[in-house]
C-alpha atoms as a PDB file:
ATOM      1  CA  MET A   1     -10.267  -4.922  23.268  1.00  0.00           C
ATOM      2  CA  ILE A   2     -11.291  -1.267  21.389  1.00  0.00           C
ATOM      3  CA  ASN A   3      -8.409   0.924  22.588  1.00  0.00           C
ATOM      4  CA  GLU A   4      -6.102  -2.250  21.559  1.00  0.00           C
ATOM      5  CA  ILE A   5      -7.626  -2.306  18.231  1.00  0.00           C
ATOM      6  CA  LYS A   6      -7.234   1.774  17.742  1.00  0.00           C
ATOM      7  CA  LYS A   7      -4.080   1.563  18.815  1.00  0.00           C
ATOM      8  CA  ASP A   8      -3.221  -1.197  15.851  1.00  0.00           C
ATOM      9  CA  ALA A   9      -5.140   1.235  13.473  1.00  0.00           C
ATOM     10  CA  GLU A  10      -3.059   4.116  14.654  1.00  0.00           C
ATOM     11  CA  GLU A  11       0.068   2.539  14.432  1.00  0.00           C
ATOM     12  CA  ARG A  12      -0.677   1.080  10.670  1.00  0.00           C
ATOM     13  CA  MET A  13      -1.260   4.686   9.500  1.00  0.00           C
ATOM     14  CA  LYS A  14       1.422   6.312  10.750  1.00  0.00           C
ATOM     15  CA  LYS A  15       3.481   3.260   8.715  1.00  0.00           C
ATOM     16  CA  ALA A  16       1.857   4.341   5.905  1.00  0.00           C
ATOM     17  CA  ILE A  17       2.619   8.102   6.492  1.00  0.00           C
ATOM     18  CA  SER A  18       5.916   7.123   6.493  1.00  0.00           C
ATOM     19  CA  ALA A  19       5.989   5.114   3.630  1.00  0.00           C
ATOM     20  CA  LEU A  20       4.418   7.992   1.776  1.00  0.00           C
ATOM     21  CA  GLY A  21       7.040  10.119   2.886  1.00  0.00           C
ATOM     22  CA  THR A  22       9.911   7.718   1.614  1.00  0.00           C
ATOM     23  CA  ASN A  23       7.991   7.307  -1.974  1.00  0.00           C
ATOM     24  CA  PHE A  24       7.969  11.045  -2.025  1.00  0.00           C
ATOM     25  CA  ASN A  25      12.024  11.132  -1.061  1.00  0.00           C
ATOM     26  CA  LYS A  26      12.033   9.285  -4.799  1.00  0.00           C
ATOM     27  CA  ILE A  27      10.500  11.958  -6.938  1.00  0.00           C
ATOM     28  CA  ARG A  28      13.427  14.534  -7.106  1.00  0.00           C
ATOM     29  CA  THR A  29      12.703  18.305  -7.230  1.00  0.00           C
ATOM     30  CA  GLY A  30      14.897  20.611  -9.026  1.00  0.00           C
ATOM     31  CA  ARG A  31      17.078  21.051  -5.622  1.00  0.00           C
ATOM     32  CA  ALA A  32      20.061  18.838  -5.171  1.00  0.00           C
ATOM     33  CA  HIS A  33      19.012  16.482  -1.442  1.00  0.00           C
ATOM     34  CA  PRO A  34      20.698  13.027  -0.597  1.00  0.00           C
ATOM     35  CA  SER A  35      17.618  11.293  -0.073  1.00  0.00           C
ATOM     36  CA  ILE A  36      17.420  11.333  -3.998  1.00  0.00           C
ATOM     37  CA  LEU A  37      19.965   8.396  -4.543  1.00  0.00           C
ATOM     38  CA  ASP A  38      18.267   6.396  -1.576  1.00  0.00           C
ATOM     39  CA  SER A  39      17.096   3.711  -3.808  1.00  0.00           C
ATOM     40  CA  VAL A  40      20.181   3.389  -5.866  1.00  0.00           C
ATOM     41  CA  MET A  41      22.337  -0.091  -5.072  1.00  0.00           C
ATOM     42  CA  VAL A  42      25.552  -1.102  -6.027  1.00  0.00           C
ATOM     43  CA  SER A  43      26.990  -3.799  -6.390  1.00  0.00           C
ATOM     44  CA  TYR A  44      29.525  -4.482  -3.427  1.00  0.00           C
ATOM     45  CA  TYR A  45      31.936  -7.305  -3.863  1.00  0.00           C
ATOM     46  CA  GLY A  46      28.914  -9.081  -5.959  1.00  0.00           C
ATOM     47  CA  SER A  47      26.166  -8.135  -3.584  1.00  0.00           C
ATOM     48  CA  ALA A  48      23.581  -5.133  -4.202  1.00  0.00           C
ATOM     49  CA  THR A  49      24.419  -2.725  -1.465  1.00  0.00           C
ATOM     50  CA  PRO A  50      22.773   0.568  -0.896  1.00  0.00           C
ATOM     51  CA  LEU A  51      24.913   3.738  -1.842  1.00  0.00           C
ATOM     52  CA  ALA A  52      24.826   5.467   1.579  1.00  0.00           C
ATOM     53  CA  GLN A  53      26.574   1.964   2.858  1.00  0.00           C
ATOM     54  CA  VAL A  54      29.556   2.839  -0.073  1.00  0.00           C
ATOM     55  CA  ALA A  55      30.223   6.316  -0.090  1.00  0.00           C
ATOM     56  CA  ASN A  56      29.193   9.342   1.361  1.00  0.00           C
ATOM     57  CA  VAL A  57      26.605  11.628   0.049  1.00  0.00           C
ATOM     58  CA  SER A  58      26.630  14.904   0.472  1.00  0.00           C
ATOM     59  CA  VAL A  59      24.882  18.360  -1.050  1.00  0.00           C
ATOM     60  CA  LEU A  60      27.870  20.186  -3.062  1.00  0.00           C
ATOM     61  CA  ASP A  61      25.657  23.230  -4.508  1.00  0.00           C
ATOM     62  CA  ALA A  62      21.860  23.571  -4.991  1.00  0.00           C
ATOM     63  CA  ARG A  63      21.367  21.703  -7.879  1.00  0.00           C
ATOM     64  CA  THR A  64      25.365  19.108  -7.280  1.00  0.00           C
ATOM     65  CA  LEU A  65      25.694  16.168  -5.409  1.00  0.00           C
ATOM     66  CA  SER A  66      28.842  14.981  -4.331  1.00  0.00           C
ATOM     67  CA  ILE A  67      29.922  11.321  -3.826  1.00  0.00           C
ATOM     68  CA  SER A  68      33.105  10.272  -2.030  1.00  0.00           C
ATOM     69  CA  ALA A  69      33.378   6.007  -2.281  1.00  0.00           C
ATOM     70  CA  TRP A  70      34.973   5.261   1.014  1.00  0.00           C
ATOM     71  CA  GLU A  71      37.162   2.386  -1.275  1.00  0.00           C
ATOM     72  CA  LYS A  72      38.511   3.960  -4.864  1.00  0.00           C
ATOM     73  CA  ASN A  73      37.779   1.088  -6.693  1.00  0.00           C
ATOM     74  CA  MET A  74      34.111   1.596  -6.125  1.00  0.00           C
ATOM     75  CA  VAL A  75      33.853   5.119  -7.916  1.00  0.00           C
ATOM     76  CA  PRO A  76      32.978   2.916 -11.383  1.00  0.00           C
ATOM     77  CA  GLU A  77      30.902   0.828 -10.082  1.00  0.00           C
ATOM     78  CA  ILE A  78      28.572   4.018  -8.282  1.00  0.00           C
ATOM     79  CA  GLU A  79      28.533   5.628 -11.436  1.00  0.00           C
ATOM     80  CA  LYS A  80      27.033   2.598 -13.245  1.00  0.00           C
ATOM     81  CA  ALA A  81      24.282   2.141 -10.240  1.00  0.00           C
ATOM     82  CA  ILE A  82      23.279   5.990 -10.678  1.00  0.00           C
ATOM     83  CA  MET A  83      23.508   5.849 -14.671  1.00  0.00           C
ATOM     84  CA  LYS A  84      20.874   2.035 -14.293  1.00  0.00           C
ATOM     85  CA  SER A  85      18.749   3.744 -11.702  1.00  0.00           C
ATOM     86  CA  ASP A  86      15.560   5.312 -13.042  1.00  0.00           C
ATOM     87  CA  LEU A  87      16.688   8.876 -11.936  1.00  0.00           C
ATOM     88  CA  GLY A  88      17.672  10.590 -14.786  1.00  0.00           C
ATOM     89  CA  LEU A  89      21.334  11.444 -13.657  1.00  0.00           C
ATOM     90  CA  ASN A  90      23.911  11.645 -15.614  1.00  0.00           C
ATOM     91  CA  PRO A  91      27.670  11.221 -12.557  1.00  0.00           C
ATOM     92  CA  SER A  92      30.733  12.418 -13.597  1.00  0.00           C
ATOM     93  CA  SER A  93      34.254  11.585 -11.885  1.00  0.00           C
ATOM     94  CA  MET A  94      36.795  13.399 -10.692  1.00  0.00           C
ATOM     95  CA  GLY A  95      39.489  10.970  -9.126  1.00  0.00           C
ATOM     96  CA  GLU A  96      37.728   9.343  -6.041  1.00  0.00           C
ATOM     97  CA  LEU A  97      34.888  12.107  -6.152  1.00  0.00           C
ATOM     98  CA  ILE A  98      32.151  11.603  -7.871  1.00  0.00           C
ATOM     99  CA  ARG A  99      29.712  14.154  -8.835  1.00  0.00           C
ATOM    100  CA  VAL A 100      26.075  14.258 -10.195  1.00  0.00           C
ATOM    101  CA  PRO A 101      24.454  17.561 -11.453  1.00  0.00           C
ATOM    102  CA  MET A 102      21.042  17.987 -11.040  1.00  0.00           C
ATOM    103  CA  PRO A 103      19.238  18.660 -14.461  1.00  0.00           C
ATOM    104  CA  ALA A 104      16.291  21.586 -14.303  1.00  0.00           C
ATOM    105  CA  LEU A 105      13.298  20.009 -14.311  1.00  0.00           C
ATOM    106  CA  THR A 106      11.174  21.015 -17.707  1.00  0.00           C
ATOM    107  CA  GLU A 107       7.098  22.034 -17.297  1.00  0.00           C
ATOM    108  CA  GLU A 108       6.511  18.648 -18.831  1.00  0.00           C
ATOM    109  CA  THR A 109       8.933  16.888 -16.262  1.00  0.00           C
ATOM    110  CA  ARG A 110       7.026  18.800 -13.287  1.00  0.00           C
ATOM    111  CA  LYS A 111       3.492  17.649 -14.304  1.00  0.00           C
ATOM    112  CA  ASN A 112       4.983  14.411 -14.331  1.00  0.00           C
ATOM    113  CA  TYR A 113       6.505  14.757 -11.127  1.00  0.00           C
ATOM    114  CA  ILE A 114       2.907  15.813  -9.727  1.00  0.00           C
ATOM    115  CA  LYS A 115       0.953  13.046 -11.238  1.00  0.00           C
ATOM    116  CA  GLN A 116       3.313  10.490  -9.681  1.00  0.00           C
ATOM    117  CA  ALA A 117       3.559  12.187  -6.233  1.00  0.00           C
ATOM    118  CA  LYS A 118      -0.372  12.465  -6.912  1.00  0.00           C
ATOM    119  CA  THR A 119      -0.934   8.282  -7.676  1.00  0.00           C
ATOM    120  CA  GLU A 120       1.928   8.377  -4.778  1.00  0.00           C
ATOM    121  CA  ALA A 121      -0.695  10.102  -1.841  1.00  0.00           C
ATOM    122  CA  GLU A 122      -3.434   8.451  -2.824  1.00  0.00           C
ATOM    123  CA  ASN A 123      -2.656   4.812  -2.424  1.00  0.00           C
ATOM    124  CA  ALA A 124      -1.485   6.090   0.643  1.00  0.00           C
ATOM    125  CA  ARG A 125      -5.202   6.765   1.329  1.00  0.00           C
ATOM    126  CA  ILE A 126      -6.088   3.734   0.455  1.00  0.00           C
ATOM    127  CA  SER A 127      -3.905   2.407   2.597  1.00  0.00           C
ATOM    128  CA  VAL A 128      -5.181   4.615   5.286  1.00  0.00           C
ATOM    129  CA  ARG A 129      -8.943   2.947   4.639  1.00  0.00           C
ATOM    130  CA  ASN A 130      -7.613  -0.188   4.580  1.00  0.00           C
ATOM    131  CA  VAL A 131      -6.370  -0.189   8.347  1.00  0.00           C
ATOM    132  CA  ARG A 132     -10.208   1.689   8.786  1.00  0.00           C
ATOM    133  CA  ARG A 133     -11.798  -1.096   7.102  1.00  0.00           C
ATOM    134  CA  ASP A 134      -9.900  -3.738   8.917  1.00  0.00           C
ATOM    135  CA  ALA A 135     -10.098  -1.890  11.921  1.00  0.00           C
ATOM    136  CA  ASN A 136     -14.377  -1.529  11.345  1.00  0.00           C
ATOM    137  CA  ALA A 137     -14.122  -5.319  10.818  1.00  0.00           C
ATOM    138  CA  ALA A 138     -12.382  -6.666  14.103  1.00  0.00           C
ATOM    139  CA  LEU A 139     -15.107  -4.645  16.341  1.00  0.00           C
ATOM    140  CA  LYS A 140     -17.760  -5.887  14.300  1.00  0.00           C
ATOM    141  CA  ASP A 141     -16.130  -9.435  15.427  1.00  0.00           C
ATOM    142  CA  LEU A 142     -16.082  -8.281  18.767  1.00  0.00           C
ATOM    143  CA  VAL A 143     -20.145  -7.256  18.446  1.00  0.00           C
ATOM    144  CA  LYS A 144     -20.749 -11.152  16.715  1.00  0.00           C
ATOM    145  CA  ASP A 145     -18.755 -13.025  19.812  1.00  0.00           C
ATOM    146  CA  LYS A 146     -21.207 -10.401  22.458  1.00  0.00           C
ATOM    147  CA  GLU A 147     -17.707  -8.701  23.892  1.00  0.00           C
ATOM    148  CA  ILE A 148     -18.931  -5.251  23.343  1.00  0.00           C
ATOM    149  CA  SER A 149     -22.398  -3.441  22.742  1.00  0.00           C
ATOM    150  CA  GLU A 150     -23.136  -2.145  19.485  1.00  0.00           C
ATOM    151  CA  ASP A 151     -23.173   1.322  20.811  1.00  0.00           C
ATOM    152  CA  ASP A 152     -19.065   0.513  21.951  1.00  0.00           C
ATOM    153  CA  GLU A 153     -18.624  -0.640  18.938  1.00  0.00           C
ATOM    154  CA  ARG A 154     -20.438   2.889  17.182  1.00  0.00           C
ATOM    155  CA  ARG A 155     -18.797   4.784  19.405  1.00  0.00           C
ATOM    156  CA  ALA A 156     -14.804   2.844  18.403  1.00  0.00           C
ATOM    157  CA  GLN A 157     -15.688   3.226  14.502  1.00  0.00           C
ATOM    158  CA  ASP A 158     -16.567   7.007  15.295  1.00  0.00           C
ATOM    159  CA  GLU A 159     -13.504   7.293  17.072  1.00  0.00           C
ATOM    160  CA  VAL A 160     -11.432   4.882  14.135  1.00  0.00           C
ATOM    161  CA  GLN A 161     -13.229   7.403  11.961  1.00  0.00           C
ATOM    162  CA  LYS A 162     -11.655  10.684  13.440  1.00  0.00           C
ATOM    163  CA  ILE A 163      -8.204   8.830  13.419  1.00  0.00           C
ATOM    164  CA  THR A 164      -9.121   8.165   9.691  1.00  0.00           C
ATOM    165  CA  ASN A 165      -9.853  11.894   8.924  1.00  0.00           C
ATOM    166  CA  LYS A 166      -6.497  12.938  10.763  1.00  0.00           C
ATOM    167  CA  TYR A 167      -4.134  10.205   8.514  1.00  0.00           C
ATOM    168  CA  ILE A 168      -6.007  11.737   5.312  1.00  0.00           C
ATOM    169  CA  ALA A 169      -5.201  15.194   5.958  1.00  0.00           C
ATOM    170  CA  GLU A 170      -1.365  14.853   6.853  1.00  0.00           C
ATOM    171  CA  VAL A 171      -1.680  12.514   3.367  1.00  0.00           C
ATOM    172  CA  ASP A 172      -3.519  15.757   1.969  1.00  0.00           C
ATOM    173  CA  ALA A 173      -0.846  18.364   3.375  1.00  0.00           C
ATOM    174  CA  GLY A 174       2.231  16.294   2.790  1.00  0.00           C
ATOM    175  CA  PHE A 175       0.980  16.022  -1.221  1.00  0.00           C
ATOM    176  CA  ALA A 176       0.490  19.873  -1.465  1.00  0.00           C
ATOM    177  CA  ALA A 177       3.419  20.790  -0.284  1.00  0.00           C
ATOM    178  CA  LYS A 178       5.692  18.128  -2.477  1.00  0.00           C
ATOM    179  CA  GLU A 179       3.554  19.651  -5.151  1.00  0.00           C
ATOM    180  CA  LYS A 180       4.579  22.992  -3.786  1.00  0.00           C
ATOM    181  CA  ASP A 181       8.547  22.052  -4.088  1.00  0.00           C
ATOM    182  CA  LEU A 182       8.165  20.576  -7.421  1.00  0.00           C
ATOM    183  CA  MET A 183       6.269  23.539  -9.616  1.00  0.00           C
ATOM    184  CA  GLU A 184       9.090  25.797  -7.702  1.00  0.00           C
ATOM    185  CA  ILE A 185      11.333  27.089  -9.859  1.00  0.00           C
END
């Protein structure tokens, strides 16, 4: 029972870390990276479809993304979807190819992106701590039902805390890397 609780807690903490990585990818840096457009949804014959499913996104150079639509009639829809997204990007089309230049980040926008990254990191820490709380509550329930002893509960809580510390450290390391990435000029 204890091992199942620990295993479940660790899996849920891993999911919180992967969600943090996804959220960090949405925060753009000065460099072009295809994952910036992962959240863009294009109207494809009336249904909202991820951009990656209607076009090929690649890096043209350090500050420019290149998008080639699989169907020529999708080019205006893709441009419209990128403009509607809150990424602050202005695409320009050249026939079947759409270029998306990455504007240089000002000091103010860098600081705002760092604040956003800090908020995402804190949300991930909260998620990890909530998982710890749930695991500890499950352990307390086992003690109440007399399935494990109080000593076993304390040992298991210590192990859950070690797992929690490991994932909190991963969140901190991820945030530090993103902050460093954002501050590079």
